[in-house]
All heavy atoms as atom14 arrays in JSON, in Angstrom:
{
  "sequence": "DLYGEHVFPLQVAVLLSRPFWCWGAEIGANDAGVAI",
  "atom14_mask": [
    [1, 1, 1, 1, 1, 1, 1, 1, 0, 0, 0, 0, 0, 0],
    [1, 1, 1, 1, 1, 1, 1, 1, 0, 0, 0, 0, 0, 0],
    [1, 1, 1, 1, 1, 1, 1, 1, 1, 1, 1, 1, 0, 0],
    [1, 1, 1, 1, 0, 0, 0, 0, 0, 0, 0, 0, 0, 0],
    [1, 1, 1, 1, 1, 1, 1, 1, 1, 0, 0, 0, 0, 0],
    [1, 1, 1, 1, 1, 1, 1, 1, 1, 1, 0, 0, 0, 0],
    [1, 1, 1, 1, 1, 1, 1, 0, 0, 0, 0, 0, 0, 0],
    [1, 1, 1, 1, 1, 1, 1, 1, 1, 1, 1, 0, 0, 0],
    [1, 1, 1, 1, 1, 1, 1, 0, 0, 0, 0, 0, 0, 0],
    [1, 1, 1, 1, 1, 1, 1, 1, 0, 0, 0, 0, 0, 0],
    [1, 1, 1, 1, 1, 1, 1, 1, 1, 0, 0, 0, 0, 0],
    [1, 1, 1, 1, 1, 1, 1, 0, 0, 0, 0, 0, 0, 0],
    [1, 1, 1, 1, 1, 0, 0, 0, 0, 0, 0, 0, 0, 0],
    [1, 1, 1, 1, 1, 1, 1, 0, 0, 0, 0, 0, 0, 0],
    [1, 1, 1, 1, 1, 1, 1, 1, 0, 0, 0, 0, 0, 0],
    [1, 1, 1, 1, 1, 1, 1, 1, 0, 0, 0, 0, 0, 0],
    [1, 1, 1, 1, 1, 1, 0, 0, 0, 0, 0, 0, 0, 0],
    [1, 1, 1, 1, 1, 1, 1, 1, 1, 1, 1, 0, 0, 0],
    [1, 1, 1, 1, 1, 1, 1, 0, 0, 0, 0, 0, 0, 0],
    [1, 1, 1, 1, 1, 1, 1, 1, 1, 1, 1, 0, 0, 0],
    [1, 1, 1, 1, 1, 1, 1, 1, 1, 1, 1, 1, 1, 1],
    [1, 1, 1, 1, 1, 1, 0, 0, 0, 0, 0, 0, 0, 0],
    [1, 1, 1, 1, 1, 1, 1, 1, 1, 1, 1, 1, 1, 1],
    [1, 1, 1, 1, 0, 0, 0, 0, 0, 0, 0, 0, 0, 0],
    [1, 1, 1, 1, 1, 0, 0, 0, 0, 0, 0, 0, 0, 0],
    [1, 1, 1, 1, 1, 1, 1, 1, 1, 0, 0, 0, 0, 0],
    [1, 1, 1, 1, 1, 1, 1, 1, 0, 0, 0, 0, 0, 0],
    [1, 1, 1, 1, 0, 0, 0, 0, 0, 0, 0, 0, 0, 0],
    [1, 1, 1, 1, 1, 0, 0, 0, 0, 0, 0, 0, 0, 0],
    [1, 1, 1, 1, 1, 1, 1, 1, 0, 0, 0, 0, 0, 0],
    [1, 1, 1, 1, 1, 1, 1, 1, 0, 0, 0, 0, 0, 0],
    [1, 1, 1, 1, 1, 0, 0, 0, 0, 0, 0, 0, 0, 0],
    [1, 1, 1, 1, 0, 0, 0, 0, 0, 0, 0, 0, 0, 0],
    [1, 1, 1, 1, 1, 1, 1, 0, 0, 0, 0, 0, 0, 0],
    [1, 1, 1, 1, 1, 0, 0, 0, 0, 0, 0, 0, 0, 0],
    [1, 1, 1, 1, 1, 1, 1, 1, 0, 0, 0, 0, 0, 0]
  ],
  "atom14_positions": [
    [[0.8, -1.19, -0.01], [-0.01, -0.01, 0.01], [0.86, 1.26, 0.0], [0.48, 2.27, -0.56], [-0.96, 0.0, 1.21], [-0.17, 0.03, 2.52], [0.64, -0.85, 2.73], [-0.4, 0.94, 3.36], [0.0, 0.0, 0.0], [0.0, 0.0, 0.0], [0.0, 0.0, 0.0], [0.0, 0.0, 0.0], [0.0, 0.0, 0.0], [0.0, 0.0, 0.0]],
    [[2.07, 1.17, 0.59], [2.96, 2.33, 0.69], [3.94, 2.33, -0.51], [4.24, 3.36, -1.03], [3.75, 2.29, 1.98], [4.54, 3.58, 2.32], [3.55, 4.75, 2.53], [5.39, 3.36, 3.58], [0.0, 0.0, 0.0], [0.0, 0.0, 0.0], [0.0, 0.0, 0.0], [0.0, 0.0, 0.0], [0.0, 0.0, 0.0], [0.0, 0.0, 0.0]],
    [[4.41, 1.16, -0.89], [5.5, 1.06, -1.89], [5.04, 0.55, -3.23], [5.85, 0.37, -4.14], [6.6, 0.15, -1.36], [7.18, 0.65, -0.08], [6.99, -0.04, 1.15], [7.9, 1.83, -0.01], [7.51, 0.45, 2.34], [8.42, 2.32, 1.16], [8.26, 1.59, 2.35], [8.74, 2.11, 3.51], [0.0, 0.0, 0.0], [0.0, 0.0, 0.0]],
    [[3.75, 0.33, -3.44], [3.26, -0.12, -4.74], [3.76, -1.52, -5.11], [3.86, -2.42, -4.26], [0.0, 0.0, 0.0], [0.0, 0.0, 0.0], [0.0, 0.0, 0.0], [0.0, 0.0, 0.0], [0.0, 0.0, 0.0], [0.0, 0.0, 0.0], [0.0, 0.0, 0.0], [0.0, 0.0, 0.0], [0.0, 0.0, 0.0], [0.0, 0.0, 0.0]],
    [[4.15, -1.71, -6.32], [4.56, -3.01, -6.79], [6.0, -3.3, -6.45], [6.47, -4.44, -6.67], [4.35, -3.12, -8.31], [2.88, -3.07, -8.72], [2.07, -4.2, -8.06], [2.55, -5.31, -8.09], [0.98, -3.87, -7.49], [0.0, 0.0, 0.0], [0.0, 0.0, 0.0], [0.0, 0.0, 0.0], [0.0, 0.0, 0.0], [0.0, 0.0, 0.0]],
    [[6.73, -2.31, -5.95], [8.13, -2.52, -5.63], [8.21, -3.43, -4.37], [7.61, -3.17, -3.35], [8.82, -1.19, -5.33], [10.26, -1.31, -4.92], [11.21, -1.81, -5.77], [10.84, -1.06, -3.74], [12.36, -1.79, -5.16], [12.2, -1.37, -3.91], [0.0, 0.0, 0.0], [0.0, 0.0, 0.0], [0.0, 0.0, 0.0], [0.0, 0.0, 0.0]],
    [[8.93, -4.53, -4.48], [9.16, -5.42, -3.3], [10.69, -5.45, -3.11], [11.46, -5.33, -4.0], [8.59, -6.78, -3.55], [7.1, -6.76, -3.62], [9.15, -7.48, -4.82], [0.0, 0.0, 0.0], [0.0, 0.0, 0.0], [0.0, 0.0, 0.0], [0.0, 0.0, 0.0], [0.0, 0.0, 0.0], [0.0, 0.0, 0.0], [0.0, 0.0, 0.0]],
    [[11.07, -5.69, -1.87], [12.47, -5.6, -1.55], [12.75, -6.45, -0.27], [11.87, -6.71, 0.53], [12.84, -4.12, -1.24], [11.89, -3.49, -0.23], [12.19, -3.5, 1.12], [10.74, -2.93, -0.63], [11.34, -2.96, 2.05], [9.83, -2.34, 0.28], [10.16, -2.36, 1.66], [0.0, 0.0, 0.0], [0.0, 0.0, 0.0], [0.0, 0.0, 0.0]],
    [[14.0, -6.9, -0.14], [14.39, -7.57, 1.12], [14.25, -6.65, 2.29], [14.58, -5.46, 2.24], [15.86, -8.0, 0.86], [16.03, -7.88, -0.67], [15.11, -6.8, -1.1], [0.0, 0.0, 0.0], [0.0, 0.0, 0.0], [0.0, 0.0, 0.0], [0.0, 0.0, 0.0], [0.0, 0.0, 0.0], [0.0, 0.0, 0.0], [0.0, 0.0, 0.0]],
    [[13.87, -7.19, 3.42], [13.72, -6.39, 4.61], [14.09, -7.22, 5.84], [13.73, -8.4, 5.94], [12.28, -5.93, 4.76], [11.89, -5.25, 6.06], [12.56, -3.88, 6.12], [10.38, -5.02, 6.14], [0.0, 0.0, 0.0], [0.0, 0.0, 0.0], [0.0, 0.0, 0.0], [0.0, 0.0, 0.0], [0.0, 0.0, 0.0], [0.0, 0.0, 0.0]],
    [[14.87, -6.63, 6.73], [15.1, -7.3, 8.02], [14.96, -6.23, 9.11], [15.66, -5.2, 9.07], [16.49, -7.94, 8.06], [16.77, -8.63, 9.4], [18.03, -9.42, 9.39], [18.54, -9.77, 8.33], [18.58, -9.72, 10.55], [0.0, 0.0, 0.0], [0.0, 0.0, 0.0], [0.0, 0.0, 0.0], [0.0, 0.0, 0.0], [0.0, 0.0, 0.0]],
    [[14.12, -6.45, 10.05], [13.92, -5.49, 11.12], [13.43, -6.24, 12.34], [12.66, -7.24, 12.22], [12.92, -4.4, 10.73], [11.55, -4.98, 10.38], [12.77, -3.32, 11.79], [0.0, 0.0, 0.0], [0.0, 0.0, 0.0], [0.0, 0.0, 0.0], [0.0, 0.0, 0.0], [0.0, 0.0, 0.0], [0.0, 0.0, 0.0], [0.0, 0.0, 0.0]],
    [[13.86, -5.81, 13.51], [13.36, -6.35, 14.78], [12.57, -5.26, 15.49], [13.02, -4.09, 15.59], [14.52, -6.8, 15.64], [0.0, 0.0, 0.0], [0.0, 0.0, 0.0], [0.0, 0.0, 0.0], [0.0, 0.0, 0.0], [0.0, 0.0, 0.0], [0.0, 0.0, 0.0], [0.0, 0.0, 0.0], [0.0, 0.0, 0.0], [0.0, 0.0, 0.0]],
    [[11.44, -5.63, 16.05], [10.55, -4.68, 16.7], [10.09, -5.25, 18.05], [9.73, -6.44, 18.13], [9.31, -4.36, 15.84], [8.42, -3.35, 16.52], [9.7, -3.95, 14.44], [0.0, 0.0, 0.0], [0.0, 0.0, 0.0], [0.0, 0.0, 0.0], [0.0, 0.0, 0.0], [0.0, 0.0, 0.0], [0.0, 0.0, 0.0], [0.0, 0.0, 0.0]],
    [[10.13, -4.48, 19.1], [9.64, -4.84, 20.4], [8.36, -4.02, 20.67], [8.45, -2.77, 20.65], [10.62, -4.61, 21.49], [10.14, -4.87, 22.95], [9.8, -6.35, 23.15], [11.23, -4.47, 23.98], [0.0, 0.0, 0.0], [0.0, 0.0, 0.0], [0.0, 0.0, 0.0], [0.0, 0.0, 0.0], [0.0, 0.0, 0.0], [0.0, 0.0, 0.0]],
    [[7.23, -4.7, 20.89], [5.99, -3.96, 21.09], [5.41, -4.29, 22.48], [5.54, -5.4, 23.04], [4.96, -4.5, 20.08], [5.27, -4.42, 18.58], [4.21, -5.13, 17.75], [5.42, -2.96, 18.15], [0.0, 0.0, 0.0], [0.0, 0.0, 0.0], [0.0, 0.0, 0.0], [0.0, 0.0, 0.0], [0.0, 0.0, 0.0], [0.0, 0.0, 0.0]],
    [[4.75, -3.28, 23.03], [3.86, -3.47, 24.18], [2.44, -3.47, 23.63], [1.9, -2.41, 23.34], [4.05, -2.38, 25.25], [3.15, -2.57, 26.32], [0.0, 0.0, 0.0], [0.0, 0.0, 0.0], [0.0, 0.0, 0.0], [0.0, 0.0, 0.0], [0.0, 0.0, 0.0], [0.0, 0.0, 0.0], [0.0, 0.0, 0.0], [0.0, 0.0, 0.0]],
    [[1.83, -4.65, 23.52], [0.64, -4.81, 22.71], [-0.51, -5.34, 23.55], [-0.39, -6.39, 24.24], [0.96, -5.85, 21.59], [-0.19, -6.16, 20.67], [0.28, -7.15, 19.61], [0.66, -8.45, 20.18], [-0.21, -9.43, 20.48], [-1.49, -9.25, 20.25], [0.22, -10.55, 20.97], [0.0, 0.0, 0.0], [0.0, 0.0, 0.0], [0.0, 0.0, 0.0]],
    [[-1.65, -4.62, 23.57], [-2.81, -5.24, 24.23], [-3.13, -6.62, 23.64], [-3.04, -6.81, 22.41], [-3.96, -4.22, 23.88], [-3.25, -2.94, 23.69], [-1.94, -3.32, 23.03], [0.0, 0.0, 0.0], [0.0, 0.0, 0.0], [0.0, 0.0, 0.0], [0.0, 0.0, 0.0], [0.0, 0.0, 0.0], [0.0, 0.0, 0.0], [0.0, 0.0, 0.0]],
    [[-3.5, -7.56, 24.45], [-3.59, -8.96, 24.01], [-4.66, -9.15, 22.92], [-4.57, -10.13, 22.21], [-3.92, -9.85, 25.23], [-5.33, -9.75, 25.72], [-6.3, -10.63, 25.27], [-5.67, -8.81, 26.62], [-7.6, -10.58, 25.73], [-6.99, -8.68, 27.08], [-7.95, -9.6, 26.64], [0.0, 0.0, 0.0], [0.0, 0.0, 0.0], [0.0, 0.0, 0.0]],
    [[-5.6, -8.23, 22.81], [-6.73, -8.45, 21.91], [-6.55, -7.79, 20.55], [-7.4, -7.88, 19.71], [-8.01, -7.93, 22.53], [-7.9, -6.54, 23.09], [-7.59, -6.14, 24.29], [-8.11, -5.38, 22.31], [-7.54, -4.79, 24.38], [-7.9, -4.23, 23.15], [-8.52, -5.09, 20.97], [-8.01, -2.92, 22.75], [-8.62, -3.78, 20.56], [-8.36, -2.71, 21.48]],
    [[-5.41, -7.08, 20.31], [-5.3, -6.33, 19.03], [-3.96, -6.58, 18.38], [-3.03, -7.07, 18.98], [-5.59, -4.85, 19.19], [-4.29, -3.88, 19.87], [0.0, 0.0, 0.0], [0.0, 0.0, 0.0], [0.0, 0.0, 0.0], [0.0, 0.0, 0.0], [0.0, 0.0, 0.0], [0.0, 0.0, 0.0], [0.0, 0.0, 0.0], [0.0, 0.0, 0.0]],
    [[-3.9, -6.16, 17.12], [-2.69, -6.37, 16.3], [-1.62, -5.34, 16.58], [-0.45, -5.6, 16.5], [-3.11, -6.36, 14.83], [-2.02, -6.58, 13.83], [-1.5, -7.77, 13.39], [-1.3, -5.57, 13.12], [-0.54, -7.56, 12.49], [-0.39, -6.22, 12.26], [-1.36, -4.16, 13.06], [0.49, -5.56, 11.43], [-0.49, -3.48, 12.26], [0.43, -4.16, 11.45]],
    [[-2.07, -4.12, 16.81], [-1.12, -3.02, 17.0], [-0.52, -2.96, 18.38], [-0.59, -3.9, 19.17], [0.0, 0.0, 0.0], [0.0, 0.0, 0.0], [0.0, 0.0, 0.0], [0.0, 0.0, 0.0], [0.0, 0.0, 0.0], [0.0, 0.0, 0.0], [0.0, 0.0, 0.0], [0.0, 0.0, 0.0], [0.0, 0.0, 0.0], [0.0, 0.0, 0.0]],
    [[0.02, -1.76, 18.73], [0.72, -1.65, 20.02], [0.53, -0.21, 20.54], [0.39, 0.72, 19.8], [2.2, -1.92, 19.83], [0.0, 0.0, 0.0], [0.0, 0.0, 0.0], [0.0, 0.0, 0.0], [0.0, 0.0, 0.0], [0.0, 0.0, 0.0], [0.0, 0.0, 0.0], [0.0, 0.0, 0.0], [0.0, 0.0, 0.0], [0.0, 0.0, 0.0]],
    [[0.57, -0.12, 21.88], [0.51, 1.16, 22.53], [1.84, 1.92, 22.53], [1.93, 3.1, 22.51], [0.0, 1.05, 23.92], [-1.45, 0.55, 24.02], [-1.98, 0.63, 25.43], [-1.17, 0.67, 26.4], [-3.21, 0.57, 25.61], [0.0, 0.0, 0.0], [0.0, 0.0, 0.0], [0.0, 0.0, 0.0], [0.0, 0.0, 0.0], [0.0, 0.0, 0.0]],
    [[2.93, 1.13, 22.56], [4.26, 1.69, 22.58], [5.19, 0.63, 22.08], [4.92, -0.58, 22.19], [4.65, 2.18, 24.03], [5.9, 3.05, 23.99], [4.76, 1.0, 24.96], [6.21, 3.71, 25.3], [0.0, 0.0, 0.0], [0.0, 0.0, 0.0], [0.0, 0.0, 0.0], [0.0, 0.0, 0.0], [0.0, 0.0, 0.0], [0.0, 0.0, 0.0]],
    [[6.26, 1.02, 21.43], [7.22, 0.07, 20.95], [8.48, 0.72, 20.46], [8.6, 1.97, 20.43], [0.0, 0.0, 0.0], [0.0, 0.0, 0.0], [0.0, 0.0, 0.0], [0.0, 0.0, 0.0], [0.0, 0.0, 0.0], [0.0, 0.0, 0.0], [0.0, 0.0, 0.0], [0.0, 0.0, 0.0], [0.0, 0.0, 0.0], [0.0, 0.0, 0.0]],
    [[9.47, -0.07, 20.09], [10.72, 0.37, 19.55], [11.26, -0.64, 18.55], [10.89, -1.83, 18.63], [11.74, 0.58, 20.67], [0.0, 0.0, 0.0], [0.0, 0.0, 0.0], [0.0, 0.0, 0.0], [0.0, 0.0, 0.0], [0.0, 0.0, 0.0], [0.0, 0.0, 0.0], [0.0, 0.0, 0.0], [0.0, 0.0, 0.0], [0.0, 0.0, 0.0]],
    [[12.09, -0.17, 17.66], [12.72, -1.1, 16.73], [14.2, -1.07, 16.8], [14.81, -0.29, 17.59], [12.2, -0.82, 15.27], [12.66, 0.49, 14.71], [13.63, 1.1, 15.17], [11.96, 0.97, 13.69], [0.0, 0.0, 0.0], [0.0, 0.0, 0.0], [0.0, 0.0, 0.0], [0.0, 0.0, 0.0], [0.0, 0.0, 0.0], [0.0, 0.0, 0.0]],
    [[14.88, -1.95, 16.01], [16.31, -2.08, 16.14], [17.08, -0.93, 15.52], [18.32, -0.88, 15.63], [16.77, -3.39, 15.51], [16.44, -3.53, 14.04], [15.73, -2.71, 13.48], [16.88, -4.54, 13.43], [0.0, 0.0, 0.0], [0.0, 0.0, 0.0], [0.0, 0.0, 0.0], [0.0, 0.0, 0.0], [0.0, 0.0, 0.0], [0.0, 0.0, 0.0]],
    [[16.39, 0.01, 14.87], [17.03, 1.2, 14.42], [17.06, 2.32, 15.5], [17.56, 3.41, 15.28], [16.35, 1.73, 13.15], [0.0, 0.0, 0.0], [0.0, 0.0, 0.0], [0.0, 0.0, 0.0], [0.0, 0.0, 0.0], [0.0, 0.0, 0.0], [0.0, 0.0, 0.0], [0.0, 0.0, 0.0], [0.0, 0.0, 0.0], [0.0, 0.0, 0.0]],
    [[16.45, 2.08, 16.65], [16.4, 3.0, 17.75], [15.24, 3.94, 17.71], [15.23, 4.98, 18.36], [0.0, 0.0, 0.0], [0.0, 0.0, 0.0], [0.0, 0.0, 0.0], [0.0, 0.0, 0.0], [0.0, 0.0, 0.0], [0.0, 0.0, 0.0], [0.0, 0.0, 0.0], [0.0, 0.0, 0.0], [0.0, 0.0, 0.0], [0.0, 0.0, 0.0]],
    [[14.19, 3.62, 16.93], [13.02, 4.45, 16.84], [12.03, 3.96, 17.9], [11.77, 2.77, 17.99], [12.37, 4.41, 15.45], [11.13, 5.27, 15.41], [13.37, 4.85, 14.37], [0.0, 0.0, 0.0], [0.0, 0.0, 0.0], [0.0, 0.0, 0.0], [0.0, 0.0, 0.0], [0.0, 0.0, 0.0], [0.0, 0.0, 0.0], [0.0, 0.0, 0.0]],
    [[11.42, 4.85, 18.66], [10.44, 4.51, 19.66], [9.22, 5.34, 19.4], [9.28, 6.57, 19.1], [10.93, 4.81, 21.09], [0.0, 0.0, 0.0], [0.0, 0.0, 0.0], [0.0, 0.0, 0.0], [0.0, 0.0, 0.0], [0.0, 0.0, 0.0], [0.0, 0.0, 0.0], [0.0, 0.0, 0.0], [0.0, 0.0, 0.0], [0.0, 0.0, 0.0]],
    [[8.0, 4.76, 19.56], [6.75, 5.41, 19.27], [5.74, 4.97, 20.33], [5.69, 3.82, 20.72], [6.2, 5.11, 17.89], [7.23, 5.34, 16.81], [4.93, 5.88, 17.62], [6.81, 4.86, 15.43], [0.0, 0.0, 0.0], [0.0, 0.0, 0.0], [0.0, 0.0, 0.0], [0.0, 0.0, 0.0], [0.0, 0.0, 0.0], [0.0, 0.0, 0.0]]
  ]
}
């Protein structure tokens, strides 16, 4: 949806604090040092 037909190799690690009933997260961070 963001990148159209372009596909690419990806490796990323993400740590989420996620309510047990949903897919998303209230807070998290990834291995690039981004926190949201």
